[in-house]
């Protein structure tokens, strides 16, 4: 492996970034730690300052579409560290990265060493050019190809590890066909609008999750692209997004915000810095009519007051909906509840708040759900109990532990 050139300043910043990731627990293995200390991230992001390049919580946008929406980025180091740890990448392995940019491929190349091989593919020629330049500058070798990620890269298969670094709605056959029998597929998978980085192991034609971590990625383009359905209310102030199918008659919601707001509170409190990612997935996999709600900050009139203006869990039924809300709870932090709108707003708010209470008593301190991906033609009645999401290639089963 070539020795990357390094100045005192960039090595100092690289060590500070890595120390923070180690201290937070996002880096646990020596192999991943050494890769982060050695690979010069700033060489893959020459358009930003060296300080921004080594901000451990910052994703670096590398391309936007004509509307200004990010379509490619260098993921935040915290996310990259999480996925590398999940994948258990090791010396001498053959690995495929789907979604390129260069830096993550360089980290992978550092870990697998000179006896391993890295292939990185992307659908965008600009990103492929960027990866070529960055890898050359940093002194790392990888096979860089222009290709649609849905199809993987059969020429280098089988791979010990496949790491997908774009947000995927489904798991296409190529990804598992090109994986060794004992390989690991790590993929940021959308499940009812929520994305989790999941490390899957093959068990015949079934994929069983080893781990699932909260994350966010730009969406996949090409054959595997899948767009959410968006319903706008009060002009463009409020948006309801449906990842698995919108209501049969979305126009029924047009006047939902015209009437009074109903409120229901759960009695469940969380600290202001406490993660509640498990609650979000619980709601998404136990409540019918699940959606995520957003509020345009420039148009916000206060008509709704969600827990999160970017993506708040919500449920929709006919002409009414409810969303997760919070209110101050003194030193305890905040209390979860729900706001409801429309004729059925009150019972929807009660249902959402009641589900929060169930999560608190049944799942809050548990291990989280088991996630398993079956072939899409698997009969539901042959699957164990749980919440089933049927996609084009796979049926996902999300099973919460029974109390």
Protein backbone atom coordinates (compact mmCIF):
# COMPACT_ATOMS: atom_id res chain seq x y z
CA UNK A 1 0.00 0.00 0.00
CA UNK A 2 1.39 3.41 -0.94
CA UNK A 3 2.27 5.80 1.88
CA UNK A 4 -0.04 8.83 1.54
CA UNK A 5 1.78 12.13 1.75
CA UNK A 6 0.76 13.98 4.89
CA UNK A 7 1.30 17.39 6.41
CA UNK A 8 1.50 17.92 10.16
CA UNK A 9 -1.85 19.80 10.12
CA UNK A 10 -3.91 17.25 8.24
CA UNK A 11 -2.51 14.40 10.35
CA UNK A 12 -3.41 16.32 13.48
CA UNK A 13 -6.99 16.85 12.27
CA UNK A 14 -7.23 13.23 11.13
CA UNK A 15 -6.18 12.04 14.58
CA UNK A 16 -8.63 14.38 16.30
CA UNK A 17 -11.47 13.10 14.12
CA UNK A 18 -10.48 9.49 14.74
CA UNK A 19 -10.07 10.00 18.49
CA UNK A 20 -13.60 11.40 18.66
CA UNK A 21 -15.00 8.43 16.72
CA UNK A 22 -13.17 5.99 19.00
CA UNK A 23 -14.36 7.80 22.14
CA UNK A 24 -17.97 7.74 20.90
CA UNK A 25 -17.79 4.00 20.24
CA UNK A 26 -18.39 4.35 16.51
CA UNK A 27 -14.92 2.94 15.88
CA UNK A 28 -14.34 -0.25 17.83
CA UNK A 29 -11.73 -2.21 15.86
CA UNK A 30 -8.05 -1.51 15.37
CA UNK A 31 -8.35 -2.07 11.60
CA UNK A 32 -10.97 0.66 11.14
CA UNK A 33 -9.14 3.02 13.50
CA UNK A 34 -5.88 2.68 11.59
CA UNK A 35 -7.64 3.28 8.26
CA UNK A 36 -9.16 6.53 9.52
CA UNK A 37 -5.79 7.69 10.85
CA UNK A 38 -4.05 6.95 7.55
CA UNK A 39 -6.43 7.92 4.72
CA UNK A 40 -6.28 11.66 3.88
CA UNK A 41 -9.96 12.62 3.60
CA UNK A 42 -9.20 16.19 2.50
CA UNK A 43 -7.74 14.93 -0.78
CA UNK A 44 -11.20 13.65 -1.73
CA UNK A 45 -12.87 16.99 -0.92
CA UNK A 46 -10.58 19.72 -2.27
CA UNK A 47 -13.49 22.22 -2.53
CA UNK A 48 -13.86 22.57 1.27
CA UNK A 49 -11.46 23.70 3.96
CA UNK A 50 -9.28 21.10 5.61
CA UNK A 51 -11.14 21.73 8.89
CA UNK A 52 -14.50 20.91 7.29
CA UNK A 53 -13.02 17.85 5.61
CA UNK A 54 -12.21 16.38 9.02
CA UNK A 55 -15.46 17.25 10.77
CA UNK A 56 -16.51 13.78 11.98
CA UNK A 57 -20.23 14.53 11.84
CA UNK A 58 -20.30 16.27 8.48
CA UNK A 59 -21.32 14.81 5.13
CA UNK A 60 -19.76 16.65 2.19
CA UNK A 61 -22.11 17.30 -0.71
CA UNK A 62 -20.31 16.60 -3.98
CA UNK A 63 -23.16 17.05 -6.49
CA UNK A 64 -26.65 18.55 -6.62
CA UNK A 65 -29.40 18.24 -9.21
CA UNK A 66 -31.02 21.14 -11.08
CA UNK A 67 -33.27 21.80 -8.07
CA UNK A 68 -30.38 22.02 -5.63
CA UNK A 69 -31.11 18.62 -4.09
CA UNK A 70 -28.07 16.59 -3.06
CA UNK A 71 -27.61 13.54 -5.31
CA UNK A 72 -24.09 12.58 -4.25
CA UNK A 73 -21.98 13.11 -1.16
CA UNK A 74 -19.05 11.88 0.87
CA UNK A 75 -20.84 10.45 3.89
CA UNK A 76 -20.08 11.70 7.37
CA UNK A 77 -17.11 9.83 8.88
CA UNK A 78 -19.35 8.67 11.73
CA UNK A 79 -21.61 6.85 9.25
CA UNK A 80 -18.67 5.43 7.31
CA UNK A 81 -17.09 4.12 10.51
CA UNK A 82 -20.38 2.50 11.53
CA UNK A 83 -20.77 0.71 8.19
CA UNK A 84 -17.16 -0.48 8.13
CA UNK A 85 -17.56 -1.90 11.63
CA UNK A 86 -20.84 -3.56 10.64
CA UNK A 87 -19.25 -5.14 7.56
CA UNK A 88 -16.34 -6.70 9.49
CA UNK A 89 -14.07 -6.06 6.54
CA UNK A 90 -10.66 -7.69 6.95
CA UNK A 91 -7.24 -8.26 5.41
CA UNK A 92 -7.10 -10.02 2.07
CA UNK A 93 -10.83 -9.75 1.33
CA UNK A 94 -12.50 -9.02 -1.98
CA UNK A 95 -15.03 -6.24 -1.54
CA UNK A 96 -17.47 -4.28 -3.70
CA UNK A 97 -18.65 -0.76 -2.93
CA UNK A 98 -21.91 0.34 -4.61
CA UNK A 99 -21.97 4.13 -4.73
CA UNK A 100 -18.59 5.74 -5.18
CA UNK A 101 -16.70 8.93 -4.42
CA UNK A 102 -13.27 7.59 -3.57
CA UNK A 103 -12.75 8.19 0.15
CA UNK A 104 -14.72 5.21 1.41
CA UNK A 105 -13.06 2.98 -1.20
CA UNK A 106 -9.69 4.19 0.10
CA UNK A 107 -10.66 3.28 3.67
CA UNK A 108 -11.69 -0.17 2.42
CA UNK A 109 -8.44 -0.54 0.49
CA UNK A 110 -6.42 0.36 3.57
CA UNK A 111 -8.23 -2.30 5.60
CA UNK A 112 -8.00 -5.17 3.08
CA UNK A 113 -4.34 -4.41 2.38
CA UNK A 114 -2.26 -5.33 -0.68
CA UNK A 115 -3.60 -8.89 -0.82
CA UNK A 116 -7.23 -7.75 -0.97
CA UNK A 117 -9.14 -6.11 -3.80
CA UNK A 118 -11.64 -3.26 -3.87
CA UNK A 119 -14.11 -2.52 -6.68
CA UNK A 120 -16.17 0.66 -6.47
CA UNK A 121 -18.99 1.48 -8.90
CA UNK A 122 -21.31 4.42 -9.51
CA UNK A 123 -23.93 5.38 -12.09
CA UNK A 124 -22.68 8.98 -12.40
CA UNK A 125 -19.61 9.60 -14.62
CA UNK A 126 -18.77 12.80 -12.69
CA UNK A 127 -18.53 10.83 -9.46
CA UNK A 128 -16.45 8.14 -11.13
CA UNK A 129 -14.01 10.80 -12.37
CA UNK A 130 -13.88 12.24 -8.87
CA UNK A 131 -13.12 8.83 -7.39
CA UNK A 132 -10.31 8.22 -9.89
CA UNK A 133 -8.68 11.56 -9.08
CA UNK A 134 -9.01 11.22 -5.30
CA UNK A 135 -7.67 7.67 -5.17
CA UNK A 136 -4.70 8.62 -7.33
CA UNK A 137 -3.92 11.65 -5.18
CA UNK A 138 -4.11 9.59 -1.99
CA UNK A 139 -2.09 6.69 -3.37
CA UNK A 140 -4.71 3.93 -3.18
CA UNK A 141 -5.60 1.30 -5.75
CA UNK A 142 -9.17 0.24 -6.54
CA UNK A 143 -11.06 -0.83 -9.63
CA UNK A 144 -13.38 2.09 -10.41
CA UNK A 145 -16.27 1.43 -12.80
CA UNK A 146 -19.24 3.27 -14.29
CA UNK A 147 -22.24 0.99 -13.69
CA UNK A 148 -25.78 0.88 -12.37
CA UNK A 149 -25.57 -0.24 -8.75
CA UNK A 150 -28.69 -2.41 -9.08
CA UNK A 151 -26.61 -4.82 -11.19
CA UNK A 152 -23.51 -4.87 -9.01
CA UNK A 153 -20.30 -5.96 -10.77
CA UNK A 154 -20.28 -9.65 -11.74
CA UNK A 155 -16.76 -9.54 -13.20
CA UNK A 156 -15.17 -9.40 -9.77
CA UNK A 157 -17.61 -11.71 -7.98
CA UNK A 158 -17.92 -13.43 -5.64
CA UNK A 159 -17.22 -10.80 -3.00
CA UNK A 160 -16.55 -11.41 0.68
CA UNK A 161 -18.19 -8.10 1.47
CA UNK A 162 -20.55 -5.76 -0.37
CA UNK A 163 -21.08 -2.29 1.10
CA UNK A 164 -23.82 -0.12 -0.39
CA UNK A 165 -23.26 3.61 0.19
CA UNK A 166 -26.48 4.94 -1.35
CA UNK A 167 -29.96 4.75 0.12
CA UNK A 168 -31.70 1.63 -1.20
CA UNK A 169 -35.41 0.79 -1.17
CA UNK A 170 -34.91 -2.87 -2.07
CA UNK A 171 -32.27 -5.61 -2.23
CA UNK A 172 -31.80 -6.71 -5.87
CA UNK A 173 -30.75 -10.28 -6.70
CA UNK A 174 -27.31 -9.24 -7.98
CA UNK A 175 -26.18 -8.15 -4.54
CA UNK A 176 -26.75 -11.53 -2.97
CA UNK A 177 -25.83 -13.54 -6.07
CA UNK A 178 -22.43 -11.82 -6.10
CA UNK A 179 -21.80 -12.44 -2.38
CA UNK A 180 -19.92 -15.44 -1.03
CA UNK A 181 -21.96 -17.90 1.03
CA UNK A 182 -20.44 -16.56 4.25
CA UNK A 183 -20.31 -12.95 3.04
CA UNK A 184 -21.88 -9.85 4.57
CA UNK A 185 -24.02 -7.30 2.72
CA UNK A 186 -24.17 -3.90 4.44
CA UNK A 187 -26.87 -1.64 3.01
CA UNK A 188 -28.72 1.55 4.05
CA UNK A 189 -32.23 0.17 3.57
CA UNK A 190 -35.46 2.17 3.57
CA UNK A 191 -38.25 0.60 5.56
CA UNK A 192 -41.54 2.48 5.45
CA UNK A 193 -39.65 5.75 5.03
CA UNK A 194 -36.98 5.13 7.68
CA UNK A 195 -33.41 4.26 6.72
CA UNK A 196 -31.20 1.90 8.70
CA UNK A 197 -27.74 0.61 7.82
CA UNK A 198 -28.23 -3.14 8.05
CA UNK A 199 -25.56 -5.84 7.95
CA UNK A 200 -27.12 -8.96 6.44
CA UNK A 201 -25.74 -12.50 6.41
CA UNK A 202 -26.89 -15.13 3.91
CA UNK A 203 -28.77 -18.17 5.11
CA UNK A 204 -29.65 -19.90 1.86
CA UNK A 205 -31.97 -17.56 -0.01
CA UNK A 206 -32.82 -15.63 3.17
CA UNK A 207 -30.88 -12.65 4.55
CA UNK A 208 -30.70 -12.27 8.32
CA UNK A 209 -29.68 -8.97 9.92
CA UNK A 210 -26.72 -8.91 12.29
CA UNK A 211 -27.18 -5.24 13.17
CA UNK A 212 -29.18 -2.16 12.21
CA UNK A 213 -28.00 1.39 12.81
CA UNK A 214 -29.75 4.69 12.12
CA UNK A 215 -28.34 6.58 9.13
CA UNK A 216 -29.21 8.80 6.19
CA UNK A 217 -28.06 8.58 2.56
CA UNK A 218 -28.83 10.15 -0.79
CA UNK A 219 -31.26 7.96 -2.69
CA UNK A 220 -30.22 5.40 -5.27
CA UNK A 221 -30.53 6.35 -8.94
CA UNK A 222 -31.06 4.16 -11.99
CA UNK A 223 -32.97 0.88 -12.12
CA UNK A 224 -33.31 0.69 -8.34
CA UNK A 225 -34.68 4.20 -7.91
CA UNK A 226 -37.88 4.42 -5.89
CA UNK A 227 -39.55 7.75 -5.16
CA UNK A 228 -41.68 8.48 -2.14
CA UNK A 229 -45.21 9.72 -2.75
CA UNK A 230 -45.78 13.25 -1.44
CA UNK A 231 -49.05 14.89 -0.38
CA UNK A 232 -48.88 18.64 0.26
CA UNK A 233 -51.25 20.43 2.63
CA UNK A 234 -51.88 24.16 3.19
CA UNK A 235 -50.11 25.00 -0.05
CA UNK A 236 -46.62 23.63 0.48
CA UNK A 237 -46.38 24.18 4.23
CA UNK A 238 -46.94 20.58 5.33
CA UNK A 239 -45.86 17.44 3.47
CA UNK A 240 -46.84 13.83 4.12
CA UNK A 241 -44.53 11.26 2.56
CA UNK A 242 -45.46 7.64 1.89
CA UNK A 243 -42.70 5.19 1.08
CA UNK A 244 -44.90 2.14 0.64
CA UNK A 245 -47.96 3.63 -1.07
CA UNK A 246 -50.11 6.71 -0.55
CA UNK A 247 -53.82 6.72 0.46
CA UNK A 248 -56.32 5.69 -2.20
CA UNK A 249 -57.84 9.20 -2.21
CA UNK A 250 -55.26 11.74 -0.98
CA UNK A 251 -57.61 14.65 -1.73
CA UNK A 252 -59.65 13.67 1.33
CA UNK A 253 -56.90 15.27 3.44
CA UNK A 254 -57.28 18.70 1.83
CA UNK A 255 -59.30 20.21 4.72
CA UNK A 256 -57.76 18.24 7.58
CA UNK A 257 -55.96 21.29 9.00
CA UNK A 258 -59.01 23.57 8.87
CA UNK A 259 -60.48 22.39 12.17
CA UNK A 260 -59.20 22.28 15.76
CA UNK A 261 -56.15 20.27 16.79
CA UNK A 262 -56.58 17.28 19.09
CA UNK A 263 -53.85 16.32 21.56
CA UNK A 264 -53.08 13.09 23.37
CA UNK A 265 -50.11 12.50 25.69
CA UNK A 266 -48.38 9.25 26.56
CA UNK A 267 -46.69 9.97 29.87
CA UNK A 268 -43.43 8.74 28.28
CA UNK A 269 -40.45 11.06 28.71
CA UNK A 270 -36.97 11.09 27.14
CA UNK A 271 -33.90 13.13 27.88
CA UNK A 272 -33.15 15.90 25.40
CA UNK A 273 -30.00 14.13 24.14
CA UNK A 274 -31.43 10.60 24.28
CA UNK A 275 -31.88 8.69 21.03
CA UNK A 276 -35.34 7.36 20.29
CA UNK A 277 -34.59 5.74 16.93
CA UNK A 278 -36.13 2.52 18.24
CA UNK A 279 -39.43 4.31 18.80
CA UNK A 280 -39.49 5.56 15.21
CA UNK A 281 -39.00 2.06 13.79
CA UNK A 282 -41.57 0.68 16.25
CA UNK A 283 -44.19 3.15 15.00
CA UNK A 284 -43.29 2.51 11.35
CA UNK A 285 -43.68 -1.25 11.77
CA UNK A 286 -46.74 -1.44 14.02
CA UNK A 287 -49.12 1.32 12.87
CA UNK A 288 -51.29 1.18 9.74
CA UNK A 289 -51.22 4.22 7.47
CA UNK A 290 -47.69 5.21 8.50
CA UNK A 291 -46.08 8.24 6.85
CA UNK A 292 -43.43 10.82 7.65
CA UNK A 293 -44.41 14.47 7.95
CA UNK A 294 -42.30 17.52 7.20
CA UNK A 295 -42.88 21.26 7.61
CA UNK A 296 -41.34 23.88 5.32
CA UNK A 297 -39.50 26.20 7.74
CA UNK A 298 -40.01 29.20 5.45
CA UNK A 299 -43.79 28.63 5.32
CA UNK A 300 -44.35 27.40 8.87
CA UNK A 301 -47.41 29.08 10.42
CA UNK A 302 -47.52 26.85 13.47
CA UNK A 303 -50.54 24.96 12.16
CA UNK A 304 -48.73 21.76 13.15
CA UNK A 305 -46.08 21.31 15.83
CA UNK A 306 -44.26 18.00 15.25
CA UNK A 307 -41.40 16.57 17.24
CA UNK A 308 -39.21 17.04 14.15
CA UNK A 309 -39.97 19.39 11.27
CA UNK A 310 -37.85 17.37 8.83
CA UNK A 311 -39.35 13.90 9.30
CA UNK A 312 -41.89 13.29 12.04
CA UNK A 313 -43.67 9.92 12.33
CA UNK A 314 -47.35 10.22 11.35
CA UNK A 315 -50.39 8.06 10.63
CA UNK A 316 -53.12 8.74 8.08
CA UNK A 317 -56.68 7.39 7.81
CA UNK A 318 -59.03 8.77 5.18
CA UNK A 319 -59.62 12.48 5.80
CA UNK A 320 -57.56 12.68 9.03
CA UNK A 321 -54.02 12.29 10.31
CA UNK A 322 -51.92 12.52 13.46
CA UNK A 323 -48.21 13.03 14.09
CA UNK A 324 -45.72 12.55 16.90
CA UNK A 325 -45.36 15.61 19.12
CA UNK A 326 -43.42 16.58 22.24
CA UNK A 327 -43.91 18.99 25.12
CA UNK A 328 -41.51 20.07 27.90
CA UNK A 329 -41.32 17.72 30.88
CA UNK A 330 -39.10 19.69 33.25
CA UNK A 331 -35.75 18.19 34.14
CA UNK A 332 -36.84 14.90 32.54
CA UNK A 333 -36.57 16.40 29.05
CA UNK A 334 -39.69 16.07 26.91
CA UNK A 335 -42.87 14.01 26.92
CA UNK A 336 -44.06 12.22 23.81
CA UNK A 337 -47.61 12.59 22.57
CA UNK A 338 -49.53 13.19 19.37
CA UNK A 339 -51.46 15.91 17.59
CA UNK A 340 -54.45 14.92 15.46
CA UNK A 341 -56.30 16.73 12.67
CA UNK A 342 -59.53 16.13 10.81
CA UNK A 343 -62.75 14.38 11.91
CA UNK A 344 -60.85 11.28 13.10
CA UNK A 345 -57.95 13.30 14.51
CA UNK A 346 -58.73 12.61 18.21
CA UNK A 347 -58.78 8.78 18.00
CA UNK A 348 -55.73 8.80 15.69
CA UNK A 349 -53.81 10.91 18.22
CA UNK A 350 -54.87 8.53 21.00
CA UNK A 351 -53.74 5.54 18.92
CA UNK A 352 -50.33 7.09 18.23
CA UNK A 353 -49.80 8.10 21.87
CA UNK A 354 -50.91 4.64 22.98
CA UNK A 355 -48.35 3.04 20.68
CA UNK A 356 -45.64 5.21 22.26
CA UNK A 357 -46.71 3.93 25.69
CA UNK A 358 -46.53 0.33 24.45
CA UNK A 359 -43.01 0.90 23.13
CA UNK A 360 -41.99 2.29 26.51
CA UNK A 361 -43.24 -0.72 28.46
CA UNK A 362 -42.53 -3.49 25.96
CA UNK A 363 -39.53 -2.49 23.80
CA UNK A 364 -37.69 0.61 25.00
CA UNK A 365 -34.90 -1.20 26.82
CA UNK A 366 -34.95 -4.32 24.66
CA UNK A 367 -32.66 -5.49 21.85
CA UNK A 368 -34.79 -4.08 19.04
CA UNK A 369 -36.44 -6.02 16.24
CA UNK A 370 -35.14 -8.92 14.18
CA UNK A 371 -35.03 -7.98 10.49
CA UNK A 372 -35.08 -10.69 7.84
CA UNK A 373 -35.27 -10.42 4.05
CA UNK A 374 -37.08 -13.22 2.22
CA UNK A 375 -37.52 -13.67 -1.54
CA UNK A 376 -40.51 -11.61 -2.68
CA UNK A 377 -42.46 -14.72 -3.70
CA UNK A 378 -42.31 -16.22 -0.19
CA UNK A 379 -45.92 -16.73 1.01
CA UNK A 380 -46.61 -14.51 4.01
CA UNK A 381 -48.29 -17.40 5.83
CA UNK A 382 -44.97 -19.30 5.71
CA UNK A 383 -43.13 -16.47 7.48
CA UNK A 384 -42.94 -16.06 11.27
CA UNK A 385 -45.10 -13.40 12.86
CA UNK A 386 -44.25 -9.74 12.44
CA UNK A 387 -44.65 -6.74 10.17
CA UNK A 388 -44.14 -7.52 6.47
CA UNK A 389 -43.06 -5.02 3.81
CA UNK A 390 -43.37 -6.40 0.28
CA UNK A 391 -40.95 -4.89 -2.20
CA UNK A 392 -40.06 -5.84 -5.76
CA UNK A 393 -37.32 -8.35 -4.96
CA UNK A 394 -37.71 -8.99 -1.25
CA UNK A 395 -40.22 -9.30 1.55
CA UNK A 396 -38.88 -7.73 4.73
CA UNK A 397 -40.03 -9.13 8.06
CA UNK A 398 -39.65 -6.89 11.10
CA UNK A 399 -40.28 -8.94 14.27
CA UNK A 400 -40.26 -7.31 17.72
CA UNK A 401 -39.56 -9.45 20.80
CA UNK A 402 -42.67 -10.60 22.63
CA UNK A 403 -42.94 -9.30 26.17
